[in-house]
Amino acid sequence: MSKKIILFFICSTIASGLFSQPVSQFGEGERVVFLGNSITDGGRYHSFIWLYYMTRFPNMNLHILNAGIGGDTAFDMYERLDDDVFSKNPTTLIVTFGMNDSGYQEYNGDDGAGFGEEKYRETHKNFKLLEGRLKKLSGTKIVMMGGSPYDGVAKIDGNTALRGKNDVMQRIVAFQKKSAEENNWQFLDLNAPMTTINQKFQANDPGFTICGLDRIHPENDGHMVMAYLFLKEQGLDSNVVADFEVNACDKSVVRSANCEISNIRGNKGTLSFDYLAYSLPYPLDTIPRGWNARKSQADAMKYIPFMEEMNQEVIKVSGLQKGAYKIFIDNEEIGKWSSTDLNKGVNLAAETKTPQYQQALSIMHLNEVRWEIERNFRDYAWIQFGFFQERGLLFANNGASLEALDKETGNNGWLRMHRDNYARMMHQSFRETRQAEMDMIVSKIYEINQPVKRKITLVKI
């Protein structure tokens, strides 16, 4: 099956009703909080979403915040709403759960179906507690988000699939959707479309998965798929970076979308003009980031039509003499195209050499550093709510809390892993300094993400 046919199938499936209610686009001054488990806690999908807004809407003052904690269930999220979620003053709150709620190894026991039913009922009971609190929250848009799937189909050496786990997770998504409908909340499902992608590619490669080698935690490519599905549900699949056409014969602007074209000049074999786009292209990371990561964000382009739908910076030049042309932007050679290609249109967002792409790339790297600092805060939150809360030491941050932690580190590898981070983050001055670093990075991003007028020159070879 060809890539185009697969992409068409995925797009058609998504468009045919997997999402029952639209998720509105984020707006000026919003504080968007993603509440979830480890897939949110250590994941990048929300960071990828913010990067889209950073580059596509450079004048929008937007903040996206991570409120995920590894291992959390709906009940755990309910327990930390006041101190870890509502305290972030969200204008939009995205709520996702189900992976831990639905349980694990017992699916392959003597009564896997009975275990699944028990976990489903328990999850529904816990969710009603969470739902009750969310109903009382005023001034905040609520989005129920069905989480990424457990991949029980992929052939993965050394990892036996849990039979029926994702079926239970899909039942959990169903009551999330029902709750959204009853409460007039927004809703989207990641489980079904991600499962569809897995199924299509597993037909040719049984070992394929976008859910990670543990069948649970998506790698960078899976998180980009999640970001794409979220942005698509927001109706951003037709939002161009820029799209314009210049006629070389009469030196006119035929059309322009989200950009300005001016100062068109030319003589035999050359054409130049000034170009100011109102957005930047979306930069795709080609490095597999994270522990034992094998796939990069850019690898997701093999599964989703993100470039075709959401990353179009199209230059079209009609009326050129037949032949090949070099394109220069601000005197930097970008590439060579035929007059036929230029007449059809060339997507500059796919060209990493352009000055505007390099500008966007610096934003991507700054956003990655911001994400890394935010991870320190999430590891600190994990200690607080996963260890200290049940011991009556929530946010005590004193000698007694560190002593209690050290008593358990010998028996708990997760506590050992987070001990050094907590020993620093327990000090208010350290947390304030780290927060100031993040604030400075975000401020710098919104300073350097402003589009710049460029000079584009075509030279006939």
Protein backbone atom coordinates (compact mmCIF):
# COMPACT_ATOMS: atom_id res chain seq x y z
CA MET A 1 0.00 0.00 0.00
CA SER A 2 1.46 3.38 -1.00
CA LYS A 3 2.13 6.18 1.47
CA LYS A 4 -0.44 8.42 -0.24
CA ILE A 5 -3.17 5.78 0.05
CA ILE A 6 -2.34 5.23 3.73
CA LEU A 7 -2.40 8.95 4.47
CA PHE A 8 -5.70 9.29 2.64
CA PHE A 9 -7.17 6.45 4.69
CA ILE A 10 -6.02 8.01 7.95
CA CYS A 11 -7.33 11.47 7.02
CA SER A 12 -10.67 10.02 5.89
CA THR A 13 -11.00 8.02 9.09
CA ILE A 14 -10.26 11.04 11.26
CA ALA A 15 -12.66 13.23 9.32
CA SER A 16 -15.48 10.69 9.40
CA GLY A 17 -16.41 11.19 13.02
CA LEU A 18 -13.79 9.90 15.45
CA PHE A 19 -14.11 13.24 17.23
CA SER A 20 -17.62 14.04 18.38
CA GLN A 21 -17.11 17.62 19.59
CA PRO A 22 -14.70 20.28 18.36
CA VAL A 23 -11.87 21.61 20.48
CA SER A 24 -11.62 25.36 20.16
CA GLN A 25 -8.37 27.04 19.23
CA PHE A 26 -6.39 28.64 22.01
CA GLY A 27 -6.59 32.40 22.28
CA GLU A 28 -4.72 35.44 23.49
CA GLY A 29 -3.62 35.30 27.12
CA GLU A 30 -4.67 31.68 27.67
CA ARG A 31 -3.11 29.38 30.26
CA VAL A 32 -3.60 25.86 28.98
CA VAL A 33 -2.99 23.00 31.42
CA PHE A 34 -2.61 19.36 30.38
CA LEU A 35 -3.57 17.04 33.26
CA GLY A 36 -2.47 13.45 32.82
CA ASN A 37 -0.18 10.56 33.71
CA SER A 38 3.39 9.71 32.67
CA ILE A 39 2.60 10.14 28.96
CA THR A 40 1.86 13.79 29.75
CA ASP A 41 4.42 14.07 32.54
CA GLY A 42 7.46 12.98 30.54
CA GLY A 43 5.98 13.45 27.09
CA ARG A 44 6.40 16.15 24.52
CA TYR A 45 3.06 16.34 22.72
CA HIS A 46 1.96 19.46 24.61
CA SER A 47 5.36 21.05 23.95
CA PHE A 48 4.98 20.28 20.24
CA ILE A 49 1.53 21.89 20.31
CA TRP A 50 2.93 25.01 21.96
CA LEU A 51 5.75 25.14 19.39
CA TYR A 52 3.08 25.24 16.67
CA TYR A 53 1.42 28.23 18.32
CA MET A 54 4.80 29.89 18.94
CA THR A 55 5.60 29.79 15.23
CA ARG A 56 2.15 30.07 13.63
CA PHE A 57 0.75 32.78 15.92
CA PRO A 58 3.83 34.81 16.91
CA ASN A 59 1.86 37.63 18.51
CA MET A 60 -0.29 35.42 20.72
CA ASN A 61 0.53 35.52 24.42
CA LEU A 62 -0.05 31.86 25.26
CA HIS A 63 1.25 29.54 27.97
CA ILE A 64 0.92 25.75 27.95
CA LEU A 65 1.64 23.97 31.23
CA ASN A 66 2.38 20.35 32.09
CA ALA A 67 0.38 18.86 34.99
CA GLY A 68 1.16 15.21 34.38
CA ILE A 69 2.52 12.81 37.00
CA GLY A 70 3.81 9.34 36.20
CA GLY A 71 1.69 6.48 37.49
CA ASP A 72 -1.39 8.60 38.12
CA THR A 73 -4.98 7.40 37.91
CA ALA A 74 -8.12 9.55 37.80
CA PHE A 75 -8.26 9.30 41.61
CA ASP A 76 -4.66 10.49 41.98
CA MET A 77 -5.49 13.46 39.75
CA TYR A 78 -8.56 14.20 41.87
CA GLU A 79 -6.35 14.21 44.98
CA ARG A 80 -3.98 16.87 43.62
CA LEU A 81 -6.42 19.17 41.82
CA ASP A 82 -6.13 22.11 44.22
CA ASP A 83 -2.38 22.10 44.84
CA ASP A 84 -1.10 21.09 41.41
CA VAL A 85 -3.77 21.91 38.81
CA PHE A 86 -6.17 24.66 39.84
CA SER A 87 -3.20 26.51 41.35
CA LYS A 88 -1.92 26.98 37.78
CA ASN A 89 -5.02 29.11 37.02
CA PRO A 90 -5.97 27.34 33.80
CA THR A 91 -8.22 29.02 31.27
CA THR A 92 -8.37 25.67 29.44
CA LEU A 93 -7.88 22.33 31.20
CA ILE A 94 -7.28 19.18 29.14
CA VAL A 95 -7.98 16.01 31.15
CA THR A 96 -6.66 12.60 30.10
CA PHE A 97 -6.32 9.31 31.98
CA GLY A 98 -6.89 5.59 31.52
CA MET A 99 -3.54 3.86 31.05
CA ASN A 100 -2.85 3.24 34.74
CA ASP A 101 -6.52 3.15 35.69
CA SER A 102 -7.14 0.12 33.47
CA GLY A 103 -4.48 -2.02 35.17
CA TYR A 104 -1.75 -4.27 33.83
CA GLN A 105 -0.54 -7.84 34.31
CA GLU A 106 -3.78 -9.37 35.57
CA TYR A 107 -5.18 -9.21 32.01
CA ASN A 108 -3.10 -12.30 31.27
CA GLY A 109 -4.28 -14.08 34.42
CA ASP A 110 -7.04 -16.62 34.92
CA ASP A 111 -9.84 -14.03 34.68
CA GLY A 112 -8.58 -11.20 32.53
CA ALA A 113 -12.07 -10.18 31.43
CA GLY A 114 -13.25 -10.00 35.05
CA PHE A 115 -10.22 -7.95 36.01
CA GLY A 116 -10.88 -5.55 33.13
CA GLU A 117 -14.49 -5.10 34.20
CA GLU A 118 -13.41 -4.43 37.79
CA LYS A 119 -10.87 -1.80 36.68
CA TYR A 120 -13.43 -0.17 34.39
CA ARG A 121 -15.95 0.21 37.22
CA GLU A 122 -13.26 1.48 39.59
CA THR A 123 -12.11 4.04 37.01
CA HIS A 124 -15.67 5.23 36.43
CA LYS A 125 -16.19 5.65 40.18
CA ASN A 126 -12.96 7.63 40.54
CA PHE A 127 -13.77 9.75 37.52
CA LYS A 128 -17.11 10.78 39.01
CA LEU A 129 -15.15 12.32 41.90
CA LEU A 130 -12.98 14.19 39.41
CA GLU A 131 -15.99 15.18 37.34
CA GLY A 132 -17.72 16.60 40.42
CA ARG A 133 -14.84 18.97 41.06
CA LEU A 134 -14.57 20.00 37.42
CA LYS A 135 -18.27 20.85 37.30
CA LYS A 136 -17.72 23.44 40.02
CA LEU A 137 -14.81 25.07 38.20
CA SER A 138 -15.87 28.39 36.72
CA GLY A 139 -14.13 30.37 34.02
CA THR A 140 -12.25 27.35 32.67
CA LYS A 141 -12.91 25.43 29.45
CA ILE A 142 -12.76 21.67 30.05
CA VAL A 143 -11.51 19.29 27.37
CA MET A 144 -11.89 15.55 27.86
CA MET A 145 -9.14 13.82 25.91
CA GLY A 146 -9.17 10.08 25.33
CA GLY A 147 -5.56 9.04 25.88
CA SER A 148 -3.14 7.32 23.54
CA PRO A 149 -3.72 3.57 23.22
CA TYR A 150 -2.07 0.52 24.69
CA ASP A 151 -0.74 -1.38 21.67
CA GLY A 152 -1.65 -5.01 22.24
CA VAL A 153 -1.02 -6.04 18.63
CA ALA A 154 2.59 -5.15 17.74
CA LYS A 155 5.10 -8.00 17.72
CA ILE A 156 7.69 -6.84 20.25
CA ASP A 157 10.44 -9.18 21.46
CA GLY A 158 10.45 -9.60 25.22
CA ASN A 159 7.10 -7.88 25.75
CA THR A 160 4.00 -10.03 25.96
CA ALA A 161 0.88 -8.05 25.14
CA LEU A 162 -1.85 -7.64 27.77
CA ARG A 163 -4.98 -9.17 26.28
CA GLY A 164 -7.97 -6.84 26.26
CA LYS A 165 -6.37 -3.87 28.03
CA ASN A 166 -6.97 -1.38 25.23
CA ASP A 167 -10.58 -2.55 24.94
CA VAL A 168 -11.11 -1.39 28.52
CA MET A 169 -9.29 1.86 27.76
CA GLN A 170 -11.66 2.50 24.86
CA ARG A 171 -14.61 1.97 27.22
CA ILE A 172 -13.06 4.59 29.49
CA VAL A 173 -12.81 6.96 26.53
CA ALA A 174 -16.51 6.34 25.86
CA PHE A 175 -17.57 7.57 29.29
CA GLN A 176 -15.24 10.54 28.97
CA LYS A 177 -17.08 11.41 25.77
CA LYS A 178 -20.46 10.94 27.45
CA SER A 179 -19.39 13.20 30.31
CA ALA A 180 -18.27 15.87 27.83
CA GLU A 181 -21.64 15.72 26.10
CA GLU A 182 -23.58 15.92 29.37
CA ASN A 183 -21.51 18.82 30.73
CA ASN A 184 -21.12 20.74 27.49
CA TRP A 185 -17.36 20.18 27.60
CA GLN A 186 -15.10 19.69 24.61
CA PHE A 187 -13.84 16.26 23.63
CA LEU A 188 -11.36 14.49 21.42
CA ASP A 189 -10.08 10.94 21.25
CA LEU A 190 -6.47 10.00 20.56
CA ASN A 191 -6.97 6.27 21.10
CA ALA A 192 -8.96 5.39 17.99
CA PRO A 193 -6.98 7.33 15.35
CA MET A 194 -3.63 6.22 16.80
CA THR A 195 -4.86 2.61 16.82
CA THR A 196 -5.87 3.06 13.18
CA ILE A 197 -2.37 4.24 12.27
CA ASN A 198 -0.84 1.27 14.10
CA GLN A 199 -3.13 -1.19 12.31
CA LYS A 200 -2.38 0.18 8.85
CA PHE A 201 1.39 0.08 9.24
CA GLN A 202 1.40 -3.22 11.12
CA ALA A 203 -0.17 -4.82 8.04
CA ASN A 204 3.27 -4.56 6.39
CA ASP A 205 5.46 -4.46 9.50
CA PRO A 206 4.14 -6.50 12.46
CA GLY A 207 6.70 -4.85 14.77
CA PHE A 208 5.56 -1.31 13.99
CA THR A 209 4.10 0.83 16.78
CA ILE A 210 3.76 4.50 17.67
CA CYS A 211 3.17 3.51 21.31
CA GLY A 212 6.77 2.73 22.26
CA LEU A 213 8.52 -0.58 22.86
CA ASP A 214 6.68 -0.95 26.18
CA ARG A 215 3.37 -0.58 24.24
CA ILE A 216 2.52 2.35 26.56
CA HIS A 217 4.78 5.37 26.19
CA PRO A 218 4.96 6.87 22.68
CA GLU A 219 8.35 8.05 21.49
CA ASN A 220 8.92 11.45 19.86
CA ASP A 221 7.15 10.36 16.67
CA GLY A 222 4.09 9.19 18.62
CA HIS A 223 3.94 12.46 20.53
CA MET A 224 4.04 14.37 17.25
CA VAL A 225 1.13 12.26 16.03
CA MET A 226 -0.74 13.22 19.22
CA ALA A 227 0.07 16.90 18.65
CA TYR A 228 -1.09 16.66 15.03
CA LEU A 229 -4.40 15.06 16.01
CA PHE A 230 -4.99 17.73 18.66
CA LEU A 231 -4.19 20.60 16.27
CA LYS A 232 -6.32 19.04 13.56
CA GLU A 233 -9.25 18.84 15.94
CA GLN A 234 -8.74 22.56 16.58
CA GLY A 235 -9.34 23.16 12.88
CA LEU A 236 -5.77 24.17 12.10
CA ASP A 237 -5.25 21.77 9.20
CA SER A 238 -5.83 24.51 6.62
CA ASN A 239 -3.87 27.26 8.37
CA VAL A 240 -0.92 28.14 6.12
CA VAL A 241 2.42 29.67 7.04
CA ALA A 242 2.08 31.66 3.82
CA ASP A 243 0.84 31.09 0.28
CA PHE A 244 1.49 33.49 -2.58
CA GLU A 245 1.90 33.80 -6.33
CA VAL A 246 3.96 36.31 -8.26
CA ASN A 247 3.70 36.80 -12.02
CA ALA A 248 7.17 37.31 -13.49
CA CYS A 249 5.88 38.80 -16.76
CA ASP A 250 4.06 41.82 -15.41
CA LYS A 251 5.74 41.78 -11.99
CA SER A 252 2.46 41.59 -10.13
CA VAL A 253 1.14 39.82 -7.05
CA VAL A 254 -1.51 37.37 -8.23
CA ARG A 255 -2.51 36.41 -4.68
CA SER A 256 -1.12 36.36 -1.17
CA ALA A 257 -2.31 34.64 1.98
CA ASN A 258 -0.88 35.40 5.43
CA CYS A 259 1.96 37.43 3.91
CA GLU A 260 2.90 40.62 2.05
CA ILE A 261 4.77 40.76 -1.26
CA SER A 262 6.27 44.08 -2.37
CA ASN A 263 9.03 45.75 -4.37
CA ILE A 264 8.91 43.30 -7.30
CA ARG A 265 11.78 43.83 -9.70
CA GLY A 266 13.30 41.88 -12.56
CA ASN A 267 15.15 41.78 -15.81
CA LYS A 268 16.14 39.02 -18.19
CA GLY A 269 16.74 35.87 -16.14
CA THR A 270 16.23 37.38 -12.67
CA LEU A 271 13.33 38.25 -10.43
CA SER A 272 13.38 39.65 -6.91
CA PHE A 273 10.83 40.85 -4.36
CA ASP A 274 10.38 41.51 -0.67
CA TYR A 275 8.50 38.88 1.34
CA LEU A 276 7.00 39.28 4.79
CA ALA A 277 5.17 36.24 6.13
CA TYR A 278 3.01 36.64 9.22
CA SER A 279 4.07 33.22 10.55
CA LEU A 280 7.11 30.98 10.64
CA PRO A 281 7.43 27.42 9.32
CA TYR A 282 7.13 24.62 11.87
CA PRO A 283 10.60 23.21 12.65
CA LEU A 284 10.80 19.42 12.96
CA ASP A 285 13.37 17.91 15.30
CA THR A 286 15.39 15.16 13.63
CA ILE A 287 17.12 13.95 16.83
CA PRO A 288 15.65 11.05 18.85
CA ARG A 289 15.41 12.70 22.27
CA GLY A 290 14.96 10.87 25.53
CA TRP A 291 16.26 7.76 27.24
CA ASN A 292 16.69 4.87 24.75
CA ALA A 293 14.77 6.85 22.12
CA ARG A 294 14.98 5.47 18.57
CA LYS A 295 12.64 7.82 16.73
CA SER A 296 12.54 11.56 16.24
CA GLN A 297 9.69 14.02 15.92
CA ALA A 298 10.34 14.22 12.17
CA ASP A 299 9.79 10.46 11.81
CA ALA A 300 6.07 11.08 12.34
CA MET A 301 5.91 12.59 8.85
CA LYS A 302 5.86 9.00 7.55
CA TYR A 303 2.47 8.42 9.20
CA ILE A 304 0.63 11.75 9.14
CA PRO A 305 0.12 14.44 6.48
CA PHE A 306 1.34 17.21 8.77
CA MET A 307 3.48 18.87 6.09
CA GLU A 308 0.67 18.80 3.54
CA GLU A 309 -2.00 20.04 5.94
CA MET A 310 -0.29 22.22 8.52
CA ASN A 311 3.13 23.29 7.30
CA GLN A 312 2.68 24.96 3.92
CA GLU A 313 4.80 27.98 3.00
CA VAL A 314 4.13 28.01 -0.73
CA ILE A 315 5.92 30.18 -3.27
CA LYS A 316 4.45 30.11 -6.77
CA VAL A 317 5.95 32.04 -9.65
CA SER A 318 4.15 32.07 -13.00
CA GLY A 319 5.28 33.57 -16.29
CA LEU A 320 8.91 32.51 -15.97
CA GLN A 321 11.09 31.68 -18.94
CA LYS A 322 11.46 27.93 -19.27
CA GLY A 323 14.50 26.53 -17.50
CA ALA A 324 15.97 26.01 -14.04
CA TYR A 325 16.27 28.67 -11.36
CA LYS A 326 18.23 29.14 -8.18
CA ILE A 327 16.34 30.68 -5.28
CA PHE A 328 18.14 32.96 -2.87
CA ILE A 329 16.63 34.33 0.34
CA ASP A 330 18.60 37.19 1.88
CA ASN A 331 21.50 36.20 -0.42
CA GLU A 332 21.50 32.62 0.94
CA GLU A 333 21.11 29.98 -1.77
CA ILE A 334 18.16 27.76 -0.85
CA GLY A 335 17.93 25.39 -3.79
CA LYS A 336 17.23 24.88 -7.49
CA TRP A 337 13.84 24.36 -9.12
CA SER A 338 12.52 24.25 -12.65
CA SER A 339 10.14 26.86 -13.99
CA THR A 340 7.52 24.10 -14.11
CA ASP A 341 7.97 23.36 -10.39
CA LEU A 342 7.80 27.04 -9.52
CA ASN A 343 4.67 27.46 -11.60
CA LYS A 344 3.06 24.62 -9.62
CA GLY A 345 4.35 25.92 -6.28
CA VAL A 346 7.21 25.03 -3.95
CA ASN A 347 6.78 24.46 -0.20
CA LEU A 348 9.52 26.50 1.48
CA ALA A 349 8.59 25.05 4.88
CA ALA A 350 10.28 21.83 3.75
CA GLU A 351 13.55 23.69 3.09
CA THR A 352 15.68 23.78 6.23
CA LYS A 353 18.18 26.25 4.74
CA THR A 354 15.80 29.20 4.61
CA PRO A 355 16.48 32.02 7.09
CA GLN A 356 12.92 31.76 8.37
CA TYR A 357 13.32 28.02 9.05
CA GLN A 358 16.57 28.67 10.91
CA GLN A 359 14.77 31.35 12.91
CA ALA A 360 12.09 28.80 13.79
CA LEU A 361 14.74 26.23 14.64
CA SER A 362 16.18 28.50 17.33
CA ILE A 363 12.69 28.70 18.82
CA MET A 364 12.46 24.92 18.79
CA HIS A 365 15.74 24.58 20.70
CA LEU A 366 14.73 27.18 23.27
CA ASN A 367 11.40 25.44 23.72
CA GLU A 368 13.24 22.17 24.29
CA VAL A 369 15.31 23.75 27.07
CA ARG A 370 12.11 25.18 28.58
CA TRP A 371 10.62 21.66 28.51
CA GLU A 372 13.68 20.25 30.28
CA ILE A 373 13.39 22.78 33.11
CA GLU A 374 9.66 22.13 33.43
CA ARG A 375 10.53 18.44 33.84
CA ASN A 376 12.41 19.36 37.03
CA PHE A 377 9.18 20.80 38.40
CA ARG A 378 7.22 17.69 37.39
CA ASP A 379 9.76 15.39 39.08
CA TYR A 380 9.41 17.56 42.18
CA ALA A 381 5.62 17.23 41.94
CA TRP A 382 5.94 13.45 41.61
CA ILE A 383 7.80 13.31 44.95
CA GLN A 384 5.28 15.60 46.61
CA PHE A 385 2.11 13.85 45.51
CA GLY A 386 3.43 10.33 45.05
CA PHE A 387 5.33 10.11 48.33
CA PHE A 388 4.92 13.02 50.77
CA GLN A 389 1.17 13.57 50.46
CA GLU A 390 0.20 10.25 52.05
CA ARG A 391 2.73 10.84 54.86
CA GLY A 392 1.38 14.24 55.81
CA LEU A 393 4.52 15.97 54.52
CA LEU A 394 3.10 17.64 51.42
CA PHE A 395 5.26 20.69 50.66
CA ALA A 396 6.89 20.49 54.12
CA ASN A 397 10.28 20.80 52.39
CA ASN A 398 12.26 20.44 55.60
CA GLY A 399 14.72 18.12 57.24
CA ALA A 400 11.96 15.71 58.25
CA SER A 401 10.79 15.30 54.66
CA LEU A 402 14.30 14.65 53.38
CA GLU A 403 14.89 12.17 56.20
CA ALA A 404 11.66 10.33 55.35
CA LEU A 405 12.72 10.23 51.71
CA ASP A 406 16.17 8.85 52.50
CA LYS A 407 14.67 6.05 54.59
CA GLU A 408 12.91 4.73 51.51
CA THR A 409 15.39 5.35 48.71
CA GLY A 410 17.12 2.02 49.33
CA ASN A 411 13.87 0.20 48.58
CA ASN A 412 12.54 2.36 45.75
CA GLY A 413 14.49 3.05 42.59
CA TRP A 414 12.12 5.85 41.52
CA LEU A 415 12.76 7.70 44.76
CA ARG A 416 16.52 7.27 44.32
CA MET A 417 16.22 8.67 40.80
CA HIS A 418 14.37 11.79 41.98
CA ARG A 419 16.23 12.37 45.27
CA ASP A 420 18.86 14.80 44.00
CA ASN A 421 16.30 16.85 42.10
CA TYR A 422 14.14 17.09 45.23
CA ALA A 423 17.11 18.07 47.41
CA ARG A 424 17.51 21.14 45.18
CA MET A 425 13.88 21.88 44.39
CA MET A 426 12.84 21.75 48.06
CA HIS A 427 14.45 25.18 48.44
CA GLN A 428 12.15 28.02 47.41
CA SER A 429 15.03 30.12 46.14
CA PHE A 430 16.05 27.30 43.78
CA ARG A 431 12.50 26.89 42.47
CA GLU A 432 12.18 30.63 41.95
CA THR A 433 15.43 30.67 40.01
CA ARG A 434 14.34 27.79 37.78
CA GLN A 435 10.97 29.48 37.20
CA ALA A 436 12.75 32.70 36.28
CA GLU A 437 14.81 30.74 33.75
CA MET A 438 11.67 29.38 32.13
CA ASP A 439 10.04 32.80 32.10
CA MET A 440 13.13 34.28 30.48
CA ILE A 441 13.19 31.58 27.80
CA VAL A 442 9.51 32.07 26.97
CA SER A 443 10.03 35.83 26.86
CA LYS A 444 12.97 35.37 24.49
CA ILE A 445 10.91 33.05 22.27
CA TYR A 446 8.17 35.66 21.91
CA GLU A 447 10.85 38.20 21.11
CA ILE A 448 12.63 36.25 18.37
CA ASN A 449 9.57 34.60 16.84
CA GLN A 450 8.52 37.79 15.07
CA PRO A 451 8.60 37.32 11.28
CA VAL A 452 11.20 39.33 9.38
CA LYS A 453 10.92 40.85 5.91
CA ARG A 454 13.06 38.76 3.55
CA LYS A 455 14.35 39.38 0.03
CA ILE A 456 13.70 36.53 -2.38
CA THR A 457 15.67 36.39 -5.62
CA LEU A 458 15.27 33.96 -8.51
CA VAL A 459 18.20 33.60 -10.89
CA LYS A 460 17.92 31.61 -14.10
CA ILE A 461 20.68 29.05 -14.49
